[in-house]
PDB file of all heavy atoms in Angstrom:
ATOM      1  N   LEU A   1      19.828  11.537   3.334  1.00  0.00           N
ATOM      2  CA  LEU A   1      18.859  10.437   3.199  1.00  0.00           C
ATOM      3  C   LEU A   1      18.331  10.084   4.568  1.00  0.00           C
ATOM      4  O   LEU A   1      19.071   9.756   5.468  1.00  0.00           O
ATOM      5  CB  LEU A   1      19.579   9.202   2.589  1.00  0.00           C
ATOM      6  CG  LEU A   1      18.676   7.972   2.512  1.00  0.00           C
ATOM      7  CD1 LEU A   1      17.501   8.201   1.563  1.00  0.00           C
ATOM      8  CD2 LEU A   1      19.533   6.768   2.035  1.00  0.00           C
ATOM      9  N   ILE A   2      17.031  10.213   4.703  1.00  0.00           N
ATOM     10  CA  ILE A   2      16.301   9.845   5.936  1.00  0.00           C
ATOM     11  C   ILE A   2      16.096   8.343   5.913  1.00  0.00           C
ATOM     12  O   ILE A   2      16.332   7.660   6.931  1.00  0.00           O
ATOM     13  CB  ILE A   2      14.961  10.587   6.111  1.00  0.00           C
ATOM     14  CG1 ILE A   2      15.217  12.116   6.056  1.00  0.00           C
ATOM     15  CG2 ILE A   2      14.295  10.146   7.371  1.00  0.00           C
ATOM     16  CD1 ILE A   2      16.109  12.675   7.099  1.00  0.00           C
ATOM     17  N   GLY A   3      15.704   7.816   4.774  1.00  0.00           N
ATOM     18  CA  GLY A   3      15.473   6.379   4.660  1.00  0.00           C
ATOM     19  C   GLY A   3      14.741   6.095   3.371  1.00  0.00           C
ATOM     20  O   GLY A   3      14.308   6.980   2.652  1.00  0.00           O
ATOM     21  N   ILE A   4      14.569   4.807   3.068  1.00  0.00           N
ATOM     22  CA  ILE A   4      13.787   4.292   1.920  1.00  0.00           C
ATOM     23  C   ILE A   4      12.487   3.868   2.455  1.00  0.00           C
ATOM     24  O   ILE A   4      12.416   3.029   3.419  1.00  0.00           O
ATOM     25  CB  ILE A   4      14.527   3.137   1.209  1.00  0.00           C
ATOM     26  CG1 ILE A   4      15.910   3.564   0.793  1.00  0.00           C
ATOM     27  CG2 ILE A   4      13.682   2.656   0.042  1.00  0.00           C
ATOM     28  CD1 ILE A   4      16.033   4.622  -0.275  1.00  0.00           C
ATOM     29  N   TYR A   5      11.365   4.283   1.898  1.00  0.00           N
ATOM     30  CA  TYR A   5      10.060   3.932   2.300  1.00  0.00           C
ATOM     31  C   TYR A   5       9.776   2.535   1.812  1.00  0.00           C
ATOM     32  O   TYR A   5       9.863   2.257   0.607  1.00  0.00           O
ATOM     33  CB  TYR A   5       8.972   4.877   1.782  1.00  0.00           C
ATOM     34  CG  TYR A   5       7.627   4.761   2.439  1.00  0.00           C
ATOM     35  CD1 TYR A   5       7.366   5.505   3.543  1.00  0.00           C
ATOM     36  CD2 TYR A   5       6.657   3.891   1.913  1.00  0.00           C
ATOM     37  CE1 TYR A   5       6.153   5.404   4.163  1.00  0.00           C
ATOM     38  CE2 TYR A   5       5.458   3.792   2.529  1.00  0.00           C
ATOM     39  CZ  TYR A   5       5.179   4.532   3.678  1.00  0.00           C
ATOM     40  OH  TYR A   5       3.983   4.440   4.287  1.00  0.00           O
ATOM     41  N   THR A   6       9.514   1.565   2.723  1.00  0.00           N
ATOM     42  CA  THR A   6       9.293   0.142   2.328  1.00  0.00           C
ATOM     43  C   THR A   6       7.953  -0.312   2.849  1.00  0.00           C
ATOM     44  O   THR A   6       7.346   0.337   3.703  1.00  0.00           O
ATOM     45  CB  THR A   6      10.403  -0.712   2.930  1.00  0.00           C
ATOM     46  OG1 THR A   6      10.356  -0.627   4.341  1.00  0.00           O
ATOM     47  CG2 THR A   6      11.797  -0.327   2.478  1.00  0.00           C
ATOM     48  N   GLY A   7       7.505  -1.431   2.322  1.00  0.00           N
ATOM     49  CA  GLY A   7       6.303  -2.080   2.684  1.00  0.00           C
ATOM     50  C   GLY A   7       5.804  -2.961   1.592  1.00  0.00           C
ATOM     51  O   GLY A   7       6.461  -3.169   0.555  1.00  0.00           O
ATOM     52  N   ARG A   8       4.631  -3.498   1.743  1.00  0.00           N
ATOM     53  CA  ARG A   8       4.058  -4.370   0.752  1.00  0.00           C
ATOM     54  C   ARG A   8       3.649  -3.560  -0.441  1.00  0.00           C
ATOM     55  O   ARG A   8       3.121  -2.435  -0.294  1.00  0.00           O
ATOM     56  CB  ARG A   8       2.782  -5.057   1.310  1.00  0.00           C
ATOM     57  CG  ARG A   8       2.165  -5.899   0.270  1.00  0.00           C
ATOM     58  CD  ARG A   8       1.003  -6.767   0.796  1.00  0.00           C
ATOM     59  NE  ARG A   8       0.397  -7.442  -0.269  1.00  0.00           N
ATOM     60  CZ  ARG A   8      -0.770  -8.084  -0.204  1.00  0.00           C
ATOM     61  NH1 ARG A   8      -1.355  -8.124   0.951  1.00  0.00           N
ATOM     62  NH2 ARG A   8      -1.266  -8.683  -1.271  1.00  0.00           N
ATOM     63  N   ARG A   9       3.994  -4.031  -1.625  1.00  0.00           N
ATOM     64  CA  ARG A   9       3.636  -3.358  -2.895  1.00  0.00           C
ATOM     65  C   ARG A   9       2.386  -3.933  -3.434  1.00  0.00           C
ATOM     66  O   ARG A   9       2.266  -5.200  -3.511  1.00  0.00           O
ATOM     67  CB  ARG A   9       4.768  -3.469  -3.880  1.00  0.00           C
ATOM     68  CG  ARG A   9       5.956  -2.567  -3.500  1.00  0.00           C
ATOM     69  CD  ARG A   9       6.928  -2.552  -4.642  1.00  0.00           C
ATOM     70  NE  ARG A   9       8.051  -1.749  -4.210  1.00  0.00           N
ATOM     71  CZ  ARG A   9       8.319  -0.526  -4.740  1.00  0.00           C
ATOM     72  NH1 ARG A   9       7.588  -0.054  -5.735  1.00  0.00           N
ATOM     73  NH2 ARG A   9       9.362   0.184  -4.272  1.00  0.00           N
ATOM     74  N   TYR A  10       1.584  -3.033  -3.963  1.00  0.00           N
ATOM     75  CA  TYR A  10       0.386  -3.446  -4.663  1.00  0.00           C
ATOM     76  C   TYR A  10       0.412  -2.825  -6.087  1.00  0.00           C
ATOM     77  O   TYR A  10       0.775  -1.672  -6.227  1.00  0.00           O
ATOM     78  CB  TYR A  10      -0.914  -2.865  -3.964  1.00  0.00           C
ATOM     79  CG  TYR A  10      -1.197  -3.472  -2.624  1.00  0.00           C
ATOM     80  CD1 TYR A  10      -0.575  -2.973  -1.494  1.00  0.00           C
ATOM     81  CD2 TYR A  10      -2.102  -4.481  -2.515  1.00  0.00           C
ATOM     82  CE1 TYR A  10      -0.890  -3.505  -0.203  1.00  0.00           C
ATOM     83  CE2 TYR A  10      -2.433  -5.051  -1.301  1.00  0.00           C
ATOM     84  CZ  TYR A  10      -1.780  -4.557  -0.118  1.00  0.00           C
ATOM     85  OH  TYR A  10      -2.067  -5.112   1.114  1.00  0.00           O
ATOM     86  N   SER A  11      -0.019  -3.650  -7.086  1.00  0.00           N
ATOM     87  CA  SER A  11      -0.202  -3.066  -8.450  1.00  0.00           C
ATOM     88  C   SER A  11      -1.393  -2.138  -8.360  1.00  0.00           C
ATOM     89  O   SER A  11      -2.143  -2.165  -7.409  1.00  0.00           O
ATOM     90  CB  SER A  11      -0.439  -4.219  -9.430  1.00  0.00           C
ATOM     91  OG  SER A  11      -1.666  -4.810  -9.208  1.00  0.00           O
ATOM     92  N   ALA A  12      -1.595  -1.366  -9.405  1.00  0.00           N
ATOM     93  CA  ALA A  12      -2.724  -0.430  -9.432  1.00  0.00           C
ATOM     94  C   ALA A  12      -4.079  -1.239  -9.303  1.00  0.00           C
ATOM     95  O   ALA A  12      -4.961  -0.869  -8.526  1.00  0.00           O
ATOM     96  CB  ALA A  12      -2.776   0.343 -10.726  1.00  0.00           C
ATOM     97  N   ASP A  13      -4.155  -2.385 -10.004  1.00  0.00           N
ATOM     98  CA  ASP A  13      -5.405  -3.142  -9.934  1.00  0.00           C
ATOM     99  C   ASP A  13      -5.596  -3.718  -8.559  1.00  0.00           C
ATOM    100  O   ASP A  13      -6.688  -3.754  -7.979  1.00  0.00           O
ATOM    101  CB  ASP A  13      -5.323  -4.337 -10.954  1.00  0.00           C
ATOM    102  CG  ASP A  13      -5.530  -3.851 -12.379  1.00  0.00           C
ATOM    103  OD1 ASP A  13      -6.052  -2.660 -12.584  1.00  0.00           O
ATOM    104  OD2 ASP A  13      -5.096  -4.539 -13.296  1.00  0.00           O
ATOM    105  N   GLU A  14      -4.517  -4.275  -7.920  1.00  0.00           N
ATOM    106  CA  GLU A  14      -4.619  -4.783  -6.578  1.00  0.00           C
ATOM    107  C   GLU A  14      -5.004  -3.679  -5.570  1.00  0.00           C
ATOM    108  O   GLU A  14      -5.893  -3.972  -4.735  1.00  0.00           O
ATOM    109  CB  GLU A  14      -3.258  -5.388  -6.115  1.00  0.00           C
ATOM    110  CG  GLU A  14      -2.889  -6.635  -6.827  1.00  0.00           C
ATOM    111  CD  GLU A  14      -1.475  -7.084  -6.549  1.00  0.00           C
ATOM    112  OE1 GLU A  14      -0.603  -6.180  -6.290  1.00  0.00           O
ATOM    113  OE2 GLU A  14      -1.222  -8.260  -6.551  1.00  0.00           O
ATOM    114  N   ALA A  15      -4.443  -2.554  -5.708  1.00  0.00           N
ATOM    115  CA  ALA A  15      -4.753  -1.462  -4.776  1.00  0.00           C
ATOM    116  C   ALA A  15      -6.192  -0.988  -4.914  1.00  0.00           C
ATOM    117  O   ALA A  15      -6.872  -0.796  -3.883  1.00  0.00           O
ATOM    118  CB  ALA A  15      -3.805  -0.248  -5.008  1.00  0.00           C
ATOM    119  N   HIS A  16      -6.720  -0.909  -6.164  1.00  0.00           N
ATOM    120  CA  HIS A  16      -8.154  -0.513  -6.330  1.00  0.00           C
ATOM    121  C   HIS A  16      -9.047  -1.622  -5.846  1.00  0.00           C
ATOM    122  O   HIS A  16     -10.188  -1.261  -5.465  1.00  0.00           O
ATOM    123  CB  HIS A  16      -8.393  -0.225  -7.854  1.00  0.00           C
ATOM    124  CG  HIS A  16      -7.737   1.063  -8.243  1.00  0.00           C
ATOM    125  ND1 HIS A  16      -7.986   2.255  -7.731  1.00  0.00           N
ATOM    126  CD2 HIS A  16      -6.797   1.282  -9.206  1.00  0.00           C
ATOM    127  CE1 HIS A  16      -7.271   3.199  -8.314  1.00  0.00           C
ATOM    128  NE2 HIS A  16      -6.488   2.592  -9.187  1.00  0.00           N
ATOM    129  N   GLY A  17      -8.635  -2.855  -5.822  1.00  0.00           N
ATOM    130  CA  GLY A  17      -9.429  -3.918  -5.354  1.00  0.00           C
ATOM    131  C   GLY A  17      -9.433  -4.085  -3.820  1.00  0.00           C
ATOM    132  O   GLY A  17     -10.301  -4.900  -3.325  1.00  0.00           O
ATOM    133  N   GLU A  18      -8.611  -3.440  -3.143  1.00  0.00           N
ATOM    134  CA  GLU A  18      -8.501  -3.584  -1.652  1.00  0.00           C
ATOM    135  C   GLU A  18      -9.550  -2.769  -0.956  1.00  0.00           C
ATOM    136  O   GLU A  18      -9.919  -1.707  -1.412  1.00  0.00           O
ATOM    137  CB  GLU A  18      -7.133  -3.145  -1.135  1.00  0.00           C
ATOM    138  CG  GLU A  18      -6.007  -4.165  -1.410  1.00  0.00           C
ATOM    139  CD  GLU A  18      -6.166  -5.377  -0.542  1.00  0.00           C
ATOM    140  OE1 GLU A  18      -6.484  -5.298   0.682  1.00  0.00           O
ATOM    141  OE2 GLU A  18      -5.939  -6.463  -1.131  1.00  0.00           O
ATOM    142  N   ASP A  19     -10.015  -3.205   0.140  1.00  0.00           N
ATOM    143  CA  ASP A  19     -10.975  -2.478   1.011  1.00  0.00           C
ATOM    144  C   ASP A  19     -10.080  -1.851   2.136  1.00  0.00           C
ATOM    145  O   ASP A  19      -9.672  -2.552   3.054  1.00  0.00           O
ATOM    146  CB  ASP A  19     -12.067  -3.349   1.643  1.00  0.00           C
ATOM    147  CG  ASP A  19     -12.975  -2.587   2.530  1.00  0.00           C
ATOM    148  OD1 ASP A  19     -12.934  -1.352   2.548  1.00  0.00           O
ATOM    149  OD2 ASP A  19     -13.811  -3.320   3.218  1.00  0.00           O
ATOM    150  N   TRP A  20      -9.678  -0.586   1.960  1.00  0.00           N
ATOM    151  CA  TRP A  20      -8.776   0.049   2.889  1.00  0.00           C
ATOM    152  C   TRP A  20      -9.477   0.584   4.153  1.00  0.00           C
ATOM    153  O   TRP A  20      -8.834   0.980   5.064  1.00  0.00           O
ATOM    154  CB  TRP A  20      -8.059   1.232   2.195  1.00  0.00           C
ATOM    155  CG  TRP A  20      -7.278   0.796   1.032  1.00  0.00           C
ATOM    156  CD1 TRP A  20      -7.560   1.062  -0.318  1.00  0.00           C
ATOM    157  CD2 TRP A  20      -6.052  -0.001   1.046  1.00  0.00           C
ATOM    158  NE1 TRP A  20      -6.549   0.483  -1.074  1.00  0.00           N
ATOM    159  CE2 TRP A  20      -5.657  -0.151  -0.362  1.00  0.00           C
ATOM    160  CE3 TRP A  20      -5.330  -0.683   2.023  1.00  0.00           C
ATOM    161  CZ2 TRP A  20      -4.526  -0.933  -0.685  1.00  0.00           C
ATOM    162  CZ3 TRP A  20      -4.192  -1.332   1.656  1.00  0.00           C
ATOM    163  CH2 TRP A  20      -3.803  -1.454   0.325  1.00  0.00           C
ATOM    164  N   ASP A  21     -10.810   0.596   4.125  1.00  0.00           N
ATOM    165  CA  ASP A  21     -11.582   1.134   5.243  1.00  0.00           C
ATOM    166  C   ASP A  21     -11.357   0.248   6.525  1.00  0.00           C
ATOM    167  O   ASP A  21     -11.197  -0.943   6.432  1.00  0.00           O
ATOM    168  CB  ASP A  21     -13.113   1.205   4.986  1.00  0.00           C
ATOM    169  CG  ASP A  21     -13.404   2.176   3.910  1.00  0.00           C
ATOM    170  OD1 ASP A  21     -12.596   3.141   3.707  1.00  0.00           O
ATOM    171  OD2 ASP A  21     -14.464   2.032   3.236  1.00  0.00           O
ATOM    172  N   ASN A  22     -11.294   0.909   7.623  1.00  0.00           N
ATOM    173  CA  ASN A  22     -11.133   0.251   8.989  1.00  0.00           C
ATOM    174  C   ASN A  22      -9.912  -0.581   9.048  1.00  0.00           C
ATOM    175  O   ASN A  22      -9.874  -1.570   9.808  1.00  0.00           O
ATOM    176  CB  ASN A  22     -12.398  -0.679   9.221  1.00  0.00           C
ATOM    177  CG  ASN A  22     -13.668   0.109   9.171  1.00  0.00           C
ATOM    178  OD1 ASN A  22     -13.778   1.206   9.749  1.00  0.00           O
ATOM    179  ND2 ASN A  22     -14.673  -0.415   8.510  1.00  0.00           N
ATOM    180  N   ARG A  23      -8.832  -0.163   8.341  1.00  0.00           N
ATOM    181  CA  ARG A  23      -7.529  -0.792   8.478  1.00  0.00           C
ATOM    182  C   ARG A  23      -6.495   0.319   8.699  1.00  0.00           C
ATOM    183  O   ARG A  23      -6.588   1.377   8.144  1.00  0.00           O
ATOM    184  CB  ARG A  23      -7.122  -1.486   7.152  1.00  0.00           C
ATOM    185  CG  ARG A  23      -7.852  -2.730   6.857  1.00  0.00           C
ATOM    186  CD  ARG A  23      -7.649  -3.292   5.530  1.00  0.00           C
ATOM    187  NE  ARG A  23      -6.257  -3.482   5.109  1.00  0.00           N
ATOM    188  CZ  ARG A  23      -5.845  -3.943   3.941  1.00  0.00           C
ATOM    189  NH1 ARG A  23      -6.786  -4.273   3.061  1.00  0.00           N
ATOM    190  NH2 ARG A  23      -4.600  -4.089   3.590  1.00  0.00           N
ATOM    191  N   LEU A  24      -5.479   0.004   9.471  1.00  0.00           N
ATOM    192  CA  LEU A  24      -4.374   0.960   9.673  1.00  0.00           C
ATOM    193  C   LEU A  24      -3.489   0.843   8.379  1.00  0.00           C
ATOM    194  O   LEU A  24      -3.026  -0.247   8.070  1.00  0.00           O
ATOM    195  CB  LEU A  24      -3.546   0.587  10.880  1.00  0.00           C
ATOM    196  CG  LEU A  24      -2.354   1.471  11.171  1.00  0.00           C
ATOM    197  CD1 LEU A  24      -2.783   2.892  11.359  1.00  0.00           C
ATOM    198  CD2 LEU A  24      -1.593   0.963  12.333  1.00  0.00           C
TER     199      LEU A  24
END
């Protein structure tokens, strides 16, 4: 096990509604 990938979770609808451009 290298690790568990963590971070903020988005539902499918939330992810599709986000503007991911110009963001890390």
